[in-house]
Amino acid sequence: MNGGQDVRCLARVGLVGLTVLMVPGLSACGGQGEVVQSGDVSVLVSERADGGMAAQGGGTLEVVGGCLGAGGSVIVWPHGTQVVQDQPLTIRIPSVGTYRLGDEVLVAGGFALEHSSRKVEAGDFLAGGVTVPAECAEHDIFLAN
């Protein structure tokens, strides 16, 4: 064990809660996730993960609460996802493909936050090593891997 780093890691795992319990292979203390800005849209990219949930999520690529999402949910995109063009907003998802707003996209993963299944306090939300801004966290959050 390395003292303080393990304590910070355990605290972060506690914040993610149910998501980490459902995703034992997720590397919660590896590289950090990031928020990539493309104009007024935040593209949420997760930290590196060794595994994850295997449900399919997605739909039409769209802006949800100011963040890039699909099918009405905010998506925390897999590590390595890149914005390749701002107009129209286009992303490249590793091992999946390149998509722009309006395209249909499917990714593997699972819900880190579903408002219908529990009461959620307003505010930022931690998912996949990235802080989802409060305005985006008002919507369901799908953690892709």
N, C-alpha and C. Protein backbone atom coordinates (compact mmCIF):
# COMPACT_ATOMS: atom_id res chain seq x y z
N MET A 1 0.85 -1.19 0.00
CA MET A 1 0.00 0.00 0.00
C MET A 1 0.89 1.24 0.00
N ASN A 2 0.34 2.32 -0.54
CA ASN A 2 1.12 3.54 -0.60
C ASN A 2 0.41 4.69 0.11
N GLY A 3 -0.17 4.43 1.24
CA GLY A 3 -0.69 5.45 2.15
C GLY A 3 -1.73 6.36 1.57
N GLY A 4 -1.38 7.62 1.43
CA GLY A 4 -2.32 8.66 1.02
C GLY A 4 -2.98 8.39 -0.32
N GLN A 5 -2.23 7.84 -1.29
CA GLN A 5 -2.82 7.59 -2.60
C GLN A 5 -3.94 6.56 -2.48
N ASP A 6 -3.75 5.51 -1.66
CA ASP A 6 -4.80 4.51 -1.48
C ASP A 6 -6.02 5.11 -0.82
N VAL A 7 -5.85 6.02 0.13
CA VAL A 7 -6.97 6.67 0.80
C VAL A 7 -7.75 7.51 -0.21
N ARG A 8 -7.04 8.28 -1.07
CA ARG A 8 -7.73 9.08 -2.09
C ARG A 8 -8.47 8.18 -3.06
N CYS A 9 -7.87 7.08 -3.42
CA CYS A 9 -8.50 6.13 -4.34
C CYS A 9 -9.77 5.58 -3.71
N LEU A 10 -9.71 5.17 -2.45
CA LEU A 10 -10.88 4.63 -1.78
C LEU A 10 -11.96 5.68 -1.67
N ALA A 11 -11.61 6.93 -1.44
CA ALA A 11 -12.60 8.00 -1.37
C ALA A 11 -13.28 8.16 -2.72
N ARG A 12 -12.52 8.12 -3.80
CA ARG A 12 -13.11 8.26 -5.13
C ARG A 12 -14.01 7.07 -5.44
N VAL A 13 -13.59 5.87 -5.07
CA VAL A 13 -14.42 4.70 -5.29
C VAL A 13 -15.73 4.85 -4.53
N GLY A 14 -15.69 5.40 -3.33
CA GLY A 14 -16.90 5.62 -2.55
C GLY A 14 -17.84 6.59 -3.25
N LEU A 15 -17.31 7.62 -3.92
CA LEU A 15 -18.14 8.58 -4.64
C LEU A 15 -18.84 7.93 -5.82
N VAL A 16 -18.18 7.02 -6.48
CA VAL A 16 -18.77 6.38 -7.64
C VAL A 16 -19.77 5.32 -7.20
N GLY A 17 -19.57 4.73 -6.04
CA GLY A 17 -20.53 3.83 -5.41
C GLY A 17 -20.94 2.65 -6.25
N LEU A 18 -22.22 2.62 -6.58
CA LEU A 18 -22.82 1.49 -7.27
C LEU A 18 -22.12 1.17 -8.58
N THR A 19 -21.68 2.18 -9.31
CA THR A 19 -21.02 1.95 -10.59
C THR A 19 -19.79 1.08 -10.41
N VAL A 20 -18.98 1.37 -9.41
CA VAL A 20 -17.76 0.59 -9.20
C VAL A 20 -18.11 -0.82 -8.74
N LEU A 21 -19.17 -0.97 -7.96
CA LEU A 21 -19.57 -2.30 -7.54
C LEU A 21 -20.00 -3.14 -8.73
N MET A 22 -20.63 -2.52 -9.71
CA MET A 22 -21.08 -3.25 -10.89
C MET A 22 -19.96 -3.44 -11.90
N VAL A 23 -18.86 -2.71 -11.74
CA VAL A 23 -17.77 -2.75 -12.70
C VAL A 23 -16.46 -3.05 -11.98
N PRO A 24 -16.28 -4.26 -11.48
CA PRO A 24 -15.08 -4.54 -10.71
C PRO A 24 -13.80 -4.38 -11.50
N GLY A 25 -13.84 -4.47 -12.83
CA GLY A 25 -12.64 -4.33 -13.64
C GLY A 25 -12.27 -2.89 -13.94
N LEU A 26 -13.13 -1.94 -13.56
CA LEU A 26 -12.86 -0.55 -13.87
C LEU A 26 -11.65 -0.07 -13.08
N SER A 27 -10.73 0.55 -13.77
CA SER A 27 -9.53 1.06 -13.11
C SER A 27 -9.81 2.44 -12.55
N ALA A 28 -10.40 2.49 -11.36
CA ALA A 28 -10.86 3.76 -10.79
C ALA A 28 -9.72 4.69 -10.41
N CYS A 29 -8.51 4.21 -10.29
CA CYS A 29 -7.43 5.08 -9.84
C CYS A 29 -6.32 5.21 -10.88
N GLY A 30 -6.62 4.87 -12.12
CA GLY A 30 -5.63 5.00 -13.18
C GLY A 30 -5.60 6.43 -13.68
N GLY A 31 -5.41 6.61 -15.00
CA GLY A 31 -5.39 7.94 -15.57
C GLY A 31 -6.74 8.62 -15.42
N GLN A 32 -6.71 9.93 -15.27
CA GLN A 32 -7.94 10.69 -15.08
C GLN A 32 -8.72 10.82 -16.38
N GLY A 33 -10.03 10.96 -16.21
CA GLY A 33 -10.86 11.28 -17.35
C GLY A 33 -10.67 12.75 -17.69
N GLU A 34 -11.30 13.19 -18.78
CA GLU A 34 -11.15 14.59 -19.17
C GLU A 34 -12.43 15.11 -19.80
N VAL A 35 -12.57 16.42 -19.75
CA VAL A 35 -13.67 17.12 -20.41
C VAL A 35 -13.05 17.88 -21.58
N VAL A 36 -13.47 17.54 -22.79
CA VAL A 36 -12.95 18.20 -24.00
C VAL A 36 -14.04 19.14 -24.49
N GLN A 37 -13.70 20.41 -24.65
CA GLN A 37 -14.66 21.40 -25.12
C GLN A 37 -14.63 21.48 -26.64
N SER A 38 -15.81 21.46 -27.23
CA SER A 38 -15.97 21.69 -28.67
C SER A 38 -17.07 22.73 -28.81
N GLY A 39 -16.67 23.99 -28.94
CA GLY A 39 -17.64 25.08 -28.90
C GLY A 39 -18.29 25.11 -27.52
N ASP A 40 -19.61 25.09 -27.48
CA ASP A 40 -20.35 25.11 -26.22
C ASP A 40 -20.63 23.72 -25.67
N VAL A 41 -20.14 22.68 -26.32
CA VAL A 41 -20.45 21.30 -25.94
C VAL A 41 -19.27 20.68 -25.20
N SER A 42 -19.58 20.04 -24.07
CA SER A 42 -18.56 19.29 -23.31
C SER A 42 -18.62 17.83 -23.73
N VAL A 43 -17.47 17.30 -24.15
CA VAL A 43 -17.35 15.89 -24.50
C VAL A 43 -16.62 15.23 -23.33
N LEU A 44 -17.31 14.34 -22.64
CA LEU A 44 -16.77 13.69 -21.44
C LEU A 44 -16.08 12.40 -21.84
N VAL A 45 -14.80 12.27 -21.51
CA VAL A 45 -14.01 11.10 -21.88
C VAL A 45 -13.51 10.44 -20.60
N SER A 46 -13.79 9.16 -20.44
CA SER A 46 -13.46 8.46 -19.19
C SER A 46 -11.98 8.16 -19.06
N GLU A 47 -11.62 7.81 -17.83
CA GLU A 47 -10.27 7.34 -17.57
C GLU A 47 -10.11 5.97 -18.21
N ARG A 48 -8.88 5.49 -18.31
CA ARG A 48 -8.61 4.17 -18.87
C ARG A 48 -9.26 3.12 -17.98
N ALA A 49 -9.93 2.14 -18.60
CA ALA A 49 -10.60 1.07 -17.86
C ALA A 49 -10.13 -0.29 -18.37
N ASP A 50 -10.03 -1.24 -17.46
CA ASP A 50 -9.63 -2.60 -17.83
C ASP A 50 -10.83 -3.47 -18.17
N GLY A 51 -12.03 -2.99 -17.92
CA GLY A 51 -13.24 -3.75 -18.19
C GLY A 51 -14.42 -2.85 -17.94
N GLY A 52 -15.59 -3.43 -17.89
CA GLY A 52 -16.77 -2.63 -17.64
C GLY A 52 -18.03 -3.39 -17.93
N MET A 53 -19.14 -2.69 -17.84
CA MET A 53 -20.44 -3.28 -18.10
C MET A 53 -20.59 -3.54 -19.59
N ALA A 54 -21.50 -4.45 -19.96
CA ALA A 54 -21.60 -4.84 -21.36
C ALA A 54 -22.95 -4.56 -22.00
N ALA A 55 -23.78 -3.76 -21.35
CA ALA A 55 -25.06 -3.38 -21.96
C ALA A 55 -24.79 -2.47 -23.14
N GLN A 56 -25.73 -2.40 -24.07
CA GLN A 56 -25.58 -1.47 -25.19
C GLN A 56 -26.36 -0.21 -24.91
N GLY A 57 -25.75 0.91 -25.24
CA GLY A 57 -26.41 2.20 -25.09
C GLY A 57 -26.13 3.03 -26.31
N GLY A 58 -26.88 4.10 -26.43
CA GLY A 58 -26.66 5.00 -27.54
C GLY A 58 -27.95 5.46 -28.15
N GLY A 59 -27.89 5.77 -29.42
CA GLY A 59 -29.01 6.34 -30.15
C GLY A 59 -28.47 7.42 -31.07
N THR A 60 -29.27 8.43 -31.30
CA THR A 60 -28.84 9.54 -32.14
C THR A 60 -27.88 10.43 -31.36
N LEU A 61 -26.70 10.69 -31.93
CA LEU A 61 -25.70 11.53 -31.29
C LEU A 61 -26.25 12.95 -31.21
N GLU A 62 -26.29 13.50 -29.98
CA GLU A 62 -26.92 14.79 -29.75
C GLU A 62 -26.31 15.48 -28.54
N VAL A 63 -26.65 16.74 -28.36
CA VAL A 63 -26.22 17.50 -27.18
C VAL A 63 -27.32 17.35 -26.14
N VAL A 64 -26.93 16.90 -24.94
CA VAL A 64 -27.86 16.67 -23.83
C VAL A 64 -27.39 17.49 -22.64
N GLY A 65 -28.10 18.55 -22.32
CA GLY A 65 -27.74 19.39 -21.18
C GLY A 65 -26.39 20.06 -21.32
N GLY A 66 -25.91 20.23 -22.53
CA GLY A 66 -24.60 20.86 -22.75
C GLY A 66 -23.47 19.88 -22.94
N CYS A 67 -23.77 18.57 -22.79
CA CYS A 67 -22.75 17.52 -22.99
C CYS A 67 -23.13 16.65 -24.17
N LEU A 68 -22.12 16.02 -24.78
CA LEU A 68 -22.39 15.13 -25.90
C LEU A 68 -22.96 13.82 -25.38
N GLY A 69 -24.07 13.43 -25.95
CA GLY A 69 -24.73 12.19 -25.53
C GLY A 69 -25.43 11.55 -26.70
N ALA A 70 -26.32 10.64 -26.39
CA ALA A 70 -27.10 9.95 -27.41
C ALA A 70 -28.36 9.39 -26.78
N GLY A 71 -29.43 9.38 -27.56
CA GLY A 71 -30.66 8.77 -27.08
C GLY A 71 -31.23 9.42 -25.83
N GLY A 72 -30.95 10.70 -25.61
CA GLY A 72 -31.48 11.42 -24.46
C GLY A 72 -30.64 11.31 -23.20
N SER A 73 -29.55 10.56 -23.23
CA SER A 73 -28.66 10.41 -22.08
C SER A 73 -27.31 11.05 -22.37
N VAL A 74 -26.69 11.56 -21.32
CA VAL A 74 -25.31 12.02 -21.42
C VAL A 74 -24.44 10.77 -21.48
N ILE A 75 -23.41 10.78 -22.30
CA ILE A 75 -22.50 9.63 -22.36
C ILE A 75 -21.11 10.07 -21.95
N VAL A 76 -20.51 9.29 -21.05
CA VAL A 76 -19.09 9.43 -20.75
C VAL A 76 -18.42 8.45 -21.72
N TRP A 77 -17.75 9.00 -22.71
CA TRP A 77 -17.20 8.22 -23.82
C TRP A 77 -15.96 7.45 -23.38
N PRO A 78 -15.63 6.37 -24.08
CA PRO A 78 -14.46 5.55 -23.70
C PRO A 78 -13.15 6.33 -23.77
N HIS A 79 -12.22 5.93 -22.93
CA HIS A 79 -10.88 6.51 -22.93
C HIS A 79 -10.33 6.48 -24.36
N GLY A 80 -9.73 7.58 -24.76
CA GLY A 80 -9.14 7.66 -26.09
C GLY A 80 -10.06 8.29 -27.13
N THR A 81 -11.33 8.53 -26.77
CA THR A 81 -12.25 9.20 -27.69
C THR A 81 -11.72 10.61 -27.97
N GLN A 82 -11.78 11.01 -29.23
CA GLN A 82 -11.24 12.32 -29.63
C GLN A 82 -12.27 13.11 -30.41
N VAL A 83 -12.24 14.43 -30.24
CA VAL A 83 -13.00 15.32 -31.11
C VAL A 83 -12.13 15.52 -32.34
N VAL A 84 -12.66 15.16 -33.51
CA VAL A 84 -11.87 15.28 -34.74
C VAL A 84 -12.32 16.45 -35.60
N GLN A 85 -13.51 17.03 -35.25
CA GLN A 85 -14.01 18.18 -35.99
C GLN A 85 -15.01 18.90 -35.11
N ASP A 86 -14.99 20.24 -35.14
CA ASP A 86 -15.92 21.03 -34.34
C ASP A 86 -17.24 21.30 -35.06
N GLN A 87 -17.21 21.51 -36.38
CA GLN A 87 -18.42 21.84 -37.14
C GLN A 87 -18.56 20.93 -38.34
N PRO A 88 -19.49 20.02 -38.38
CA PRO A 88 -20.31 19.63 -37.25
C PRO A 88 -19.48 18.81 -36.26
N LEU A 89 -19.88 18.86 -35.00
CA LEU A 89 -19.15 18.12 -33.96
C LEU A 89 -19.04 16.65 -34.37
N THR A 90 -17.79 16.18 -34.43
CA THR A 90 -17.51 14.81 -34.85
C THR A 90 -16.50 14.21 -33.89
N ILE A 91 -16.78 12.97 -33.44
CA ILE A 91 -15.86 12.28 -32.53
C ILE A 91 -15.41 10.96 -33.14
N ARG A 92 -14.22 10.53 -32.72
CA ARG A 92 -13.70 9.21 -33.09
C ARG A 92 -13.62 8.39 -31.80
N ILE A 93 -14.34 7.27 -31.78
CA ILE A 93 -14.37 6.37 -30.63
C ILE A 93 -13.46 5.19 -30.95
N PRO A 94 -12.43 4.94 -30.13
CA PRO A 94 -11.50 3.85 -30.42
C PRO A 94 -12.22 2.51 -30.62
N SER A 95 -11.85 1.82 -31.66
CA SER A 95 -12.38 0.49 -31.99
C SER A 95 -13.87 0.49 -32.30
N VAL A 96 -14.47 1.67 -32.48
CA VAL A 96 -15.90 1.74 -32.79
C VAL A 96 -16.11 2.49 -34.10
N GLY A 97 -15.57 3.70 -34.22
CA GLY A 97 -15.73 4.45 -35.45
C GLY A 97 -15.81 5.95 -35.23
N THR A 98 -16.14 6.67 -36.31
CA THR A 98 -16.23 8.12 -36.30
C THR A 98 -17.68 8.51 -36.52
N TYR A 99 -18.17 9.44 -35.67
CA TYR A 99 -19.58 9.83 -35.69
C TYR A 99 -19.71 11.33 -35.54
N ARG A 100 -20.74 11.89 -36.20
CA ARG A 100 -21.02 13.31 -36.04
C ARG A 100 -22.46 13.47 -35.54
N LEU A 101 -22.76 14.67 -35.04
CA LEU A 101 -24.11 14.94 -34.54
C LEU A 101 -25.15 14.46 -35.55
N GLY A 102 -26.15 13.77 -35.05
CA GLY A 102 -27.22 13.25 -35.90
C GLY A 102 -27.03 11.81 -36.32
N ASP A 103 -25.78 11.29 -36.22
CA ASP A 103 -25.53 9.88 -36.56
C ASP A 103 -26.05 8.97 -35.46
N GLU A 104 -26.33 7.73 -35.82
CA GLU A 104 -26.69 6.71 -34.84
C GLU A 104 -25.42 6.06 -34.34
N VAL A 105 -25.30 5.92 -33.02
CA VAL A 105 -24.11 5.34 -32.41
C VAL A 105 -24.53 4.34 -31.35
N LEU A 106 -23.82 3.22 -31.26
CA LEU A 106 -24.02 2.22 -30.21
C LEU A 106 -22.68 1.96 -29.55
N VAL A 107 -22.68 1.96 -28.21
CA VAL A 107 -21.47 1.67 -27.44
C VAL A 107 -21.84 0.72 -26.31
N ALA A 108 -20.86 -0.05 -25.87
CA ALA A 108 -21.05 -0.94 -24.73
C ALA A 108 -20.80 -0.17 -23.44
N GLY A 109 -21.46 -0.57 -22.38
CA GLY A 109 -21.27 0.08 -21.09
C GLY A 109 -22.47 -0.14 -20.20
N GLY A 110 -22.81 0.85 -19.42
CA GLY A 110 -23.96 0.74 -18.52
C GLY A 110 -24.23 2.08 -17.87
N PHE A 111 -25.40 2.21 -17.27
CA PHE A 111 -25.78 3.48 -16.65
C PHE A 111 -25.06 3.67 -15.32
N ALA A 112 -24.41 4.81 -15.20
CA ALA A 112 -23.77 5.21 -13.94
C ALA A 112 -24.77 5.99 -13.10
N LEU A 113 -25.76 6.59 -13.76
CA LEU A 113 -26.78 7.38 -13.06
C LEU A 113 -28.08 7.28 -13.85
N GLU A 114 -29.12 6.81 -13.18
CA GLU A 114 -30.47 6.79 -13.75
C GLU A 114 -31.38 7.50 -12.76
N HIS A 115 -31.93 8.60 -13.18
CA HIS A 115 -32.76 9.40 -12.29
C HIS A 115 -34.04 8.66 -11.90
N SER A 116 -34.52 7.76 -12.74
CA SER A 116 -35.76 7.05 -12.43
C SER A 116 -35.57 6.00 -11.34
N SER A 117 -34.32 5.57 -11.11
CA SER A 117 -34.09 4.48 -10.16
C SER A 117 -33.68 4.94 -8.76
N ARG A 118 -33.37 6.23 -8.60
CA ARG A 118 -33.00 6.72 -7.28
C ARG A 118 -33.08 8.25 -7.24
N LYS A 119 -33.24 8.76 -6.03
CA LYS A 119 -33.26 10.21 -5.85
C LYS A 119 -31.81 10.71 -5.94
N VAL A 120 -31.60 11.72 -6.75
CA VAL A 120 -30.26 12.23 -6.98
C VAL A 120 -30.21 13.70 -6.59
N GLU A 121 -29.24 14.05 -5.77
CA GLU A 121 -29.05 15.45 -5.41
C GLU A 121 -28.48 16.20 -6.60
N ALA A 122 -28.93 17.45 -6.75
CA ALA A 122 -28.43 18.28 -7.84
C ALA A 122 -26.95 18.56 -7.62
N GLY A 123 -26.21 18.67 -8.70
CA GLY A 123 -24.79 18.99 -8.62
C GLY A 123 -23.97 18.13 -9.56
N ASP A 124 -22.66 18.34 -9.51
CA ASP A 124 -21.74 17.56 -10.32
C ASP A 124 -21.81 16.09 -9.92
N PHE A 125 -21.40 15.20 -10.83
CA PHE A 125 -21.44 13.76 -10.58
C PHE A 125 -20.17 13.15 -11.13
N LEU A 126 -19.52 12.28 -10.36
CA LEU A 126 -18.29 11.62 -10.80
C LEU A 126 -18.62 10.29 -11.47
N ALA A 127 -18.17 10.12 -12.72
CA ALA A 127 -18.39 8.87 -13.45
C ALA A 127 -17.20 8.61 -14.36
N GLY A 128 -16.61 7.45 -14.25
CA GLY A 128 -15.50 7.09 -15.13
C GLY A 128 -14.28 7.98 -14.97
N GLY A 129 -14.10 8.54 -13.77
CA GLY A 129 -12.92 9.38 -13.52
C GLY A 129 -13.06 10.79 -14.05
N VAL A 130 -14.25 11.17 -14.47
CA VAL A 130 -14.48 12.53 -14.98
C VAL A 130 -15.65 13.14 -14.21
N THR A 131 -15.56 14.42 -13.92
CA THR A 131 -16.65 15.12 -13.24
C THR A 131 -17.65 15.59 -14.29
N VAL A 132 -18.85 15.05 -14.19
CA VAL A 132 -19.93 15.43 -15.08
C VAL A 132 -20.54 16.73 -14.53
N PRO A 133 -20.53 17.81 -15.30
CA PRO A 133 -21.08 19.08 -14.81
C PRO A 133 -22.55 18.95 -14.40
N ALA A 134 -22.97 19.75 -13.43
CA ALA A 134 -24.33 19.67 -12.88
C ALA A 134 -25.41 19.73 -13.95
N GLU A 135 -25.26 20.63 -14.94
CA GLU A 135 -26.30 20.75 -15.97
C GLU A 135 -26.42 19.49 -16.82
N CYS A 136 -25.34 18.74 -16.94
CA CYS A 136 -25.39 17.47 -17.66
C CYS A 136 -25.89 16.35 -16.75
N ALA A 137 -25.55 16.43 -15.47
CA ALA A 137 -25.94 15.40 -14.50
C ALA A 137 -27.43 15.44 -14.16
N GLU A 138 -28.16 16.42 -14.71
CA GLU A 138 -29.62 16.43 -14.57
C GLU A 138 -30.25 15.34 -15.42
N HIS A 139 -29.45 14.75 -16.30
CA HIS A 139 -29.91 13.70 -17.22
C HIS A 139 -29.27 12.37 -16.82
N ASP A 140 -29.82 11.26 -17.34
CA ASP A 140 -29.20 9.97 -17.09
C ASP A 140 -27.80 9.98 -17.70
N ILE A 141 -26.88 9.23 -17.08
CA ILE A 141 -25.49 9.19 -17.54
C ILE A 141 -25.13 7.75 -17.86
N PHE A 142 -24.69 7.53 -19.09
CA PHE A 142 -24.26 6.21 -19.55
C PHE A 142 -22.74 6.21 -19.61
N LEU A 143 -22.11 5.27 -18.93
CA LEU A 143 -20.64 5.14 -18.91
C LEU A 143 -20.24 4.10 -19.94
N ALA A 144 -19.68 4.55 -21.05
CA ALA A 144 -19.27 3.65 -22.13
C ALA A 144 -17.86 3.13 -21.87
N ASN A 145 -17.58 1.95 -22.42
CA ASN A 145 -16.22 1.41 -22.27
C ASN A 145 -15.72 0.82 -23.56
